[in-house]
Amino acid sequence: MNTVHLLDQHSPDIAGKIWQLARMAYQEEANLIGEDKFPPLNRSIKDIQRSCSHYFGICDGEELLAAIEVEGIEDDLLISSLIVIPSHFRSGLGSRLLHALLEHKPRSRFRVETSVRNEPAIKLYKKFGFTEISHRELSGGYKVITMSLGRATPC
């Protein structure tokens, strides 16, 4: 089975693959939650290349099937995106990425935001022990839920 590995988003080829995957996955998510103007669809290849995030992915040969983007300091991490090629939705790729990330950083605190209407994502994060910590509304009425997993950040 394909393994999870670190992706170098600074490479134009890899950034392009991440962008293509994101376009497909986020268009499906936008359709699922009924959003016409879905903010993640505005990201460019250059935005991905300039990112200071870490990306991990699962490939099948040259095709990128799934990726997870993580940003933050060592013990307080934000999952910025978890994307899976639509033809492989609910196939376990998202779970494999989350499992690998949590094993790689077992003492870290993780946060993630997703649409309150993205039930499959919320269900996935809850399966891994994430709990709801807040709800908020972004510009344009887009409502998100913030979820957390791991030790609390010291004050």
Foldseek 3Di string as FASTA:
>chain_A
DWAKDWDQLLDLLRLVLVLVQQCQQVVVVCVQQVHPCDVSNPDDSVNSNPDPWIKIFTADVSHTAWMWTWDDDLAEIETEDTTGRVVCPPVCRSVNVVVVVCVVRVQHKYKYKDFPSPVVVVVSVVVVPWDWDDWDADPPRGIMTMTMDHDDDDD
